[in-house]
N, C-alpha and C. Protein backbone atom coordinates (compact mmCIF):
# COMPACT_ATOMS: atom_id res chain seq x y z
N MET A 1 201.64 -217.32 137.77
CA MET A 1 201.21 -218.05 138.92
C MET A 1 200.18 -219.13 138.30
N ASN A 2 199.20 -218.79 137.60
CA ASN A 2 198.11 -219.81 137.09
C ASN A 2 199.01 -220.84 136.50
N ALA A 3 199.95 -220.52 135.54
CA ALA A 3 200.96 -221.95 134.69
C ALA A 3 201.67 -222.55 135.73
N LEU A 4 201.93 -222.05 136.94
CA LEU A 4 202.42 -222.70 137.95
C LEU A 4 201.61 -224.02 138.47
N VAL A 5 200.69 -223.38 138.80
CA VAL A 5 199.43 -224.19 139.45
C VAL A 5 199.20 -225.39 138.34
N ILE A 6 198.85 -225.04 136.97
CA ILE A 6 198.58 -226.04 136.12
C ILE A 6 199.67 -226.81 135.81
N ARG A 7 200.81 -226.47 135.97
CA ARG A 7 202.02 -227.33 135.75
C ARG A 7 202.17 -228.44 136.94
N SER A 8 202.08 -227.83 138.15
CA SER A 8 201.97 -228.67 139.48
C SER A 8 200.92 -229.89 139.33
N VAL A 9 199.80 -229.34 138.72
CA VAL A 9 198.61 -230.55 138.84
C VAL A 9 199.08 -231.35 137.68
N PHE A 10 199.42 -231.01 136.77
CA PHE A 10 199.89 -231.81 135.59
C PHE A 10 200.96 -232.91 135.82
N VAL A 11 201.96 -232.69 136.65
CA VAL A 11 202.89 -233.42 137.17
C VAL A 11 202.57 -234.44 138.19
N PHE A 12 201.74 -233.93 139.10
CA PHE A 12 201.09 -234.72 140.01
C PHE A 12 200.28 -235.96 139.41
N ALA A 13 199.40 -235.33 138.38
CA ALA A 13 198.63 -236.37 137.92
C ALA A 13 199.38 -237.37 137.06
N SER A 14 200.33 -236.86 136.38
CA SER A 14 201.21 -237.81 135.71
C SER A 14 201.85 -238.98 136.49
N LEU A 15 202.45 -238.54 137.65
CA LEU A 15 203.19 -239.33 138.65
C LEU A 15 202.15 -240.31 139.34
N SER A 16 200.86 -239.73 139.54
CA SER A 16 199.73 -240.80 140.06
C SER A 16 199.52 -241.89 138.92
N ALA A 17 199.42 -241.33 137.73
CA ALA A 17 199.04 -242.30 136.88
C ALA A 17 200.27 -243.40 136.48
N SER A 18 201.43 -242.93 136.67
CA SER A 18 202.46 -244.02 136.50
C SER A 18 202.58 -245.04 137.53
N ILE A 19 202.31 -244.63 138.76
CA ILE A 19 202.15 -245.25 139.96
C ILE A 19 201.17 -246.34 139.78
N GLY A 20 199.96 -245.96 139.47
CA GLY A 20 198.77 -246.94 138.98
C GLY A 20 199.18 -247.94 138.07
N VAL A 21 199.93 -247.74 137.16
CA VAL A 21 200.20 -248.41 135.92
C VAL A 21 201.30 -249.53 136.69
N ALA A 22 202.13 -249.18 137.32
CA ALA A 22 203.15 -250.13 137.86
C ALA A 22 202.63 -251.12 138.79
N HIS A 23 201.54 -250.84 139.46
CA HIS A 23 201.13 -251.85 140.15
C HIS A 23 199.98 -252.82 139.40
N GLY A 24 199.59 -252.38 138.24
CA GLY A 24 198.71 -253.30 137.55
C GLY A 24 199.04 -254.56 137.12
N ALA A 25 198.25 -255.28 136.59
CA ALA A 25 198.57 -256.93 136.01
C ALA A 25 199.53 -256.44 134.86
N ALA A 26 200.64 -257.33 134.79
CA ALA A 26 201.47 -257.35 133.49
C ALA A 26 200.80 -257.65 132.28
N VAL A 27 200.74 -256.73 131.25
CA VAL A 27 200.16 -256.96 129.87
C VAL A 27 201.19 -257.36 128.70
N PRO A 28 201.04 -258.56 128.25
CA PRO A 28 202.25 -258.66 127.34
C PRO A 28 202.40 -257.55 126.06
N ARG A 29 203.49 -257.39 125.74
CA ARG A 29 203.68 -256.22 124.76
C ARG A 29 202.98 -256.92 123.14
N VAL A 30 203.08 -258.05 122.92
CA VAL A 30 202.60 -258.56 121.91
C VAL A 30 201.65 -259.92 122.36
N ASP A 31 200.77 -260.22 122.41
CA ASP A 31 199.82 -261.17 122.56
C ASP A 31 199.48 -262.20 121.36
N GLY A 32 199.00 -263.30 121.66
CA GLY A 32 198.79 -264.13 120.17
C GLY A 32 197.63 -263.55 119.51
N THR A 33 196.86 -262.72 119.90
CA THR A 33 195.92 -262.20 119.09
C THR A 33 196.55 -261.23 118.18
N ARG A 34 197.27 -260.32 118.87
CA ARG A 34 198.22 -259.52 117.80
C ARG A 34 198.94 -260.12 116.68
N LEU A 35 199.73 -260.96 117.48
CA LEU A 35 200.48 -261.68 116.45
C LEU A 35 199.94 -262.31 115.16
N LEU A 36 198.71 -263.09 115.25
CA LEU A 36 197.84 -263.60 114.60
C LEU A 36 197.17 -262.51 113.61
N ASP A 37 196.61 -261.58 114.00
CA ASP A 37 195.59 -260.63 113.33
C ASP A 37 196.94 -259.83 112.47
N GLY A 38 197.91 -259.31 113.04
CA GLY A 38 199.05 -258.37 112.33
C GLY A 38 199.60 -259.45 111.09
N MET A 39 199.80 -260.41 111.36
CA MET A 39 200.38 -261.43 110.11
C MET A 39 199.33 -261.76 109.06
N SER A 40 198.18 -261.77 109.69
CA SER A 40 197.04 -262.29 108.50
C SER A 40 196.53 -261.23 108.02
N ARG A 41 196.70 -259.82 108.13
CA ARG A 41 196.03 -258.71 107.36
C ARG A 41 196.29 -258.72 106.02
N THR A 42 195.35 -258.48 105.41
CA THR A 42 195.24 -258.67 103.92
C THR A 42 194.94 -257.19 103.38
N ASP A 43 194.79 -255.98 104.24
CA ASP A 43 194.61 -254.55 103.56
C ASP A 43 195.77 -254.35 103.25
N ASN A 44 195.84 -253.13 102.48
CA ASN A 44 197.06 -252.64 102.11
C ASN A 44 197.34 -250.99 102.38
N THR A 45 196.88 -250.78 103.59
CA THR A 45 197.28 -249.72 104.26
C THR A 45 198.47 -249.28 104.62
N PRO A 46 199.17 -248.46 104.96
CA PRO A 46 200.47 -248.21 105.38
C PRO A 46 200.61 -248.92 107.01
N TYR A 47 199.38 -248.52 107.81
CA TYR A 47 199.36 -249.07 108.70
C TYR A 47 199.53 -250.81 108.85
N ALA A 48 198.65 -251.34 107.95
CA ALA A 48 198.54 -252.76 107.85
C ALA A 48 200.01 -253.33 107.47
N ASP A 49 200.41 -252.77 106.40
CA ASP A 49 201.93 -252.99 106.10
C ASP A 49 203.06 -253.12 107.12
N ALA A 50 202.99 -251.92 108.02
CA ALA A 50 203.67 -252.02 109.14
C ALA A 50 203.62 -252.94 110.18
N GLU A 51 202.34 -253.45 110.38
CA GLU A 51 201.92 -254.24 111.25
C GLU A 51 202.36 -255.67 111.02
N ARG A 52 202.12 -255.92 109.75
CA ARG A 52 202.62 -257.02 108.94
C ARG A 52 204.09 -257.26 109.24
N HIS A 53 204.89 -256.30 108.84
CA HIS A 53 206.46 -256.34 108.95
C HIS A 53 206.66 -256.43 110.16
N ALA A 54 206.23 -255.67 111.45
CA ALA A 54 206.59 -255.85 112.75
C ALA A 54 206.20 -257.13 113.19
N MET A 55 205.10 -257.83 112.91
CA MET A 55 204.96 -258.91 113.59
C MET A 55 205.56 -260.22 112.89
N THR A 56 206.06 -260.17 111.54
CA THR A 56 206.65 -261.09 110.80
C THR A 56 208.43 -261.02 111.60
N GLY A 57 208.54 -259.82 111.89
CA GLY A 57 209.79 -259.66 112.59
C GLY A 57 209.82 -260.17 113.92
N TYR A 58 208.74 -260.05 114.50
CA TYR A 58 208.65 -260.26 115.70
C TYR A 58 208.76 -262.04 115.96
N LEU A 59 208.00 -262.58 115.13
CA LEU A 59 208.03 -264.13 114.98
C LEU A 59 209.48 -264.83 114.85
N ALA A 60 210.14 -263.99 113.82
CA ALA A 60 211.53 -264.45 113.25
C ALA A 60 212.43 -264.28 114.63
N GLY A 61 212.19 -263.22 115.32
CA GLY A 61 212.98 -263.04 116.66
C GLY A 61 212.95 -263.77 117.56
N VAL A 62 211.59 -264.18 117.81
CA VAL A 62 211.42 -265.13 118.88
C VAL A 62 211.96 -266.72 118.30
N ALA A 63 211.74 -266.97 117.14
CA ALA A 63 212.31 -268.18 116.45
C ALA A 63 213.75 -268.26 116.53
N ASP A 64 214.58 -267.12 116.14
CA ASP A 64 216.12 -267.17 116.26
C ASP A 64 216.50 -267.33 117.59
N THR A 65 215.83 -266.47 118.60
CA THR A 65 216.43 -266.54 119.90
C THR A 65 216.28 -267.90 120.73
N THR A 66 215.29 -268.70 120.26
CA THR A 66 214.79 -269.90 120.92
C THR A 66 215.50 -271.08 120.11
N GLU A 67 215.81 -271.02 119.12
CA GLU A 67 216.41 -272.00 118.19
C GLU A 67 217.62 -272.62 118.87
N GLY A 68 217.72 -273.91 119.08
CA GLY A 68 218.88 -274.74 119.61
C GLY A 68 218.61 -274.56 121.31
N LYS A 69 217.90 -273.90 121.78
CA LYS A 69 217.57 -273.87 123.26
C LYS A 69 216.43 -274.68 123.41
N GLU A 70 215.17 -274.03 123.02
CA GLU A 70 213.79 -274.54 123.37
C GLU A 70 213.26 -275.50 122.22
N TRP A 71 213.82 -275.35 121.02
CA TRP A 71 213.38 -276.14 119.68
C TRP A 71 214.68 -276.19 118.99
N CYS A 72 214.68 -277.32 117.94
CA CYS A 72 215.97 -277.52 117.08
C CYS A 72 215.38 -277.73 115.67
N ASP A 73 215.96 -277.02 114.98
CA ASP A 73 215.67 -276.87 113.45
C ASP A 73 216.24 -278.31 112.67
N ASN A 74 217.45 -278.43 113.01
CA ASN A 74 218.13 -279.82 112.36
C ASN A 74 217.98 -279.95 111.04
N GLY A 75 217.93 -278.73 110.13
CA GLY A 75 218.09 -278.72 108.62
C GLY A 75 216.46 -279.11 108.26
N ARG A 76 215.38 -279.10 108.98
CA ARG A 76 214.12 -279.94 108.54
C ARG A 76 213.20 -278.73 107.89
N VAL A 77 213.53 -277.54 108.27
CA VAL A 77 212.30 -276.65 108.10
C VAL A 77 212.84 -275.41 107.40
N LYS A 78 212.08 -274.69 106.65
CA LYS A 78 212.32 -273.33 105.96
C LYS A 78 211.76 -272.43 106.77
N PRO A 79 212.30 -271.14 106.91
CA PRO A 79 211.91 -270.05 107.56
C PRO A 79 210.29 -269.85 107.30
N GLY A 80 209.98 -269.69 105.73
CA GLY A 80 208.39 -269.64 105.53
C GLY A 80 207.47 -270.51 105.98
N GLU A 81 208.16 -271.79 106.19
CA GLU A 81 207.28 -272.94 106.99
C GLU A 81 207.03 -272.78 108.39
N ILE A 82 207.90 -272.18 108.88
CA ILE A 82 208.12 -271.80 110.46
C ILE A 82 206.78 -270.94 110.59
N ASP A 83 206.58 -269.88 109.88
CA ASP A 83 205.62 -269.02 110.00
C ASP A 83 204.25 -269.41 109.66
N SER A 84 204.02 -270.31 108.51
CA SER A 84 202.59 -270.91 108.34
C SER A 84 202.42 -271.74 109.43
N GLU A 85 203.27 -272.51 110.04
CA GLU A 85 202.96 -273.55 110.99
C GLU A 85 202.46 -273.03 112.26
N VAL A 86 203.47 -272.05 112.67
CA VAL A 86 202.92 -271.27 113.92
C VAL A 86 201.59 -270.54 113.63
N LEU A 87 201.43 -269.87 112.64
CA LEU A 87 200.03 -269.33 112.43
C LEU A 87 198.80 -270.29 112.44
N GLY A 88 199.13 -271.35 111.81
CA GLY A 88 198.18 -272.34 111.62
C GLY A 88 197.99 -272.89 113.05
N ASP A 89 198.82 -273.14 113.77
CA ASP A 89 198.69 -273.61 115.21
C ASP A 89 197.88 -272.59 116.12
N LEU A 90 198.30 -271.29 115.97
CA LEU A 90 197.52 -270.28 116.76
C LEU A 90 196.30 -270.14 116.37
N ARG A 91 196.02 -270.34 115.15
CA ARG A 91 194.48 -270.22 114.63
C ARG A 91 193.62 -271.39 115.46
N LYS A 92 194.31 -272.31 115.71
CA LYS A 92 193.54 -273.43 116.55
C LYS A 92 193.24 -273.26 118.04
N LEU A 93 193.90 -272.31 118.54
CA LEU A 93 193.86 -272.01 119.90
C LEU A 93 192.52 -271.39 120.31
N PRO A 94 192.06 -271.37 121.47
CA PRO A 94 190.69 -270.68 121.75
C PRO A 94 191.05 -269.12 122.04
N ASN A 95 190.24 -268.11 121.92
CA ASN A 95 190.57 -266.82 122.07
C ASN A 95 191.27 -266.54 123.28
N GLY A 96 190.60 -267.41 124.32
CA GLY A 96 191.46 -266.77 125.59
C GLY A 96 192.77 -267.23 125.82
N ALA A 97 193.08 -268.42 125.32
CA ALA A 97 194.74 -268.74 125.10
C ALA A 97 195.69 -267.52 124.50
N LEU A 98 194.99 -266.87 123.38
CA LEU A 98 195.54 -265.86 122.34
C LEU A 98 195.90 -264.81 123.33
N ARG A 99 195.47 -264.78 124.54
CA ARG A 99 195.65 -263.39 125.32
C ARG A 99 197.01 -263.34 125.90
N ALA A 100 197.68 -264.64 125.86
CA ALA A 100 198.99 -264.71 126.42
C ALA A 100 200.30 -264.35 125.62
N ASN A 101 201.11 -264.17 126.32
CA ASN A 101 202.31 -263.54 125.74
C ASN A 101 202.76 -264.20 124.34
N ALA A 102 203.01 -263.76 123.08
CA ALA A 102 202.78 -264.35 122.00
C ALA A 102 204.13 -265.09 121.68
N ALA A 103 205.51 -264.49 122.59
CA ALA A 103 206.54 -265.28 122.53
C ALA A 103 206.46 -266.78 123.12
N GLY A 104 205.84 -266.87 124.08
CA GLY A 104 205.31 -268.00 125.10
C GLY A 104 204.81 -268.95 123.88
N LEU A 105 203.80 -268.45 123.18
CA LEU A 105 203.19 -269.42 122.59
C LEU A 105 203.74 -270.01 121.36
N VAL A 106 204.58 -269.00 120.70
CA VAL A 106 205.32 -269.39 119.56
C VAL A 106 206.23 -270.44 120.22
N THR A 107 207.12 -270.12 121.07
CA THR A 107 208.07 -271.02 121.51
C THR A 107 207.63 -272.42 121.92
N ARG A 108 206.27 -272.48 122.50
CA ARG A 108 205.55 -273.81 122.90
C ARG A 108 205.40 -274.53 121.30
N ILE A 109 204.89 -274.00 120.58
CA ILE A 109 204.53 -274.42 119.10
C ILE A 109 205.78 -275.01 118.68
N LEU A 110 206.67 -273.99 118.40
CA LEU A 110 207.74 -274.71 117.96
C LEU A 110 208.63 -275.80 118.60
N ARG A 111 208.43 -275.88 120.03
CA ARG A 111 209.03 -277.10 120.88
C ARG A 111 208.46 -278.32 120.63
N GLN A 112 207.05 -278.15 120.40
CA GLN A 112 206.17 -279.19 120.09
C GLN A 112 206.42 -279.90 118.65
N LYS A 113 206.62 -278.94 117.70
CA LYS A 113 206.96 -279.34 116.47
C LYS A 113 208.27 -279.64 115.99
N TYR A 114 209.20 -279.18 116.75
CA TYR A 114 210.59 -279.56 116.17
C TYR A 114 211.40 -279.63 117.65
N PRO A 115 211.22 -280.77 118.29
CA PRO A 115 211.95 -281.00 119.65
C PRO A 115 213.25 -281.22 119.22
N CYS A 116 214.23 -280.77 120.42
CA CYS A 116 215.58 -281.15 120.31
C CYS A 116 215.81 -282.58 120.75
N ARG A 117 216.68 -283.14 120.08
CA ARG A 117 216.91 -284.76 120.59
C ARG A 117 218.49 -284.98 120.95
């Protein structure tokens, strides 16, 4: 009987927590700060390596998905240059602006640097 009460309380608490989360403000999965910090890490821990690779892949995914729609390469830029230019522009943003969704920030930077004609 005790286990049943504990299980019921746990289920109720879990459901209550998920309802509260569902009504909260949307938080981006990756914001500008995480993208910038993750790609700029210089330590050699397994976590740092994983974060660097994940954020590099994230930036590449955003660039690949939006290329030809939001911005155009036109053969002018190499992949490594995209990374360094995006990071350079992210570093110029105030901390408050970096709290925004990283995909939107990356897309805006690429659109400004490489507009479609």
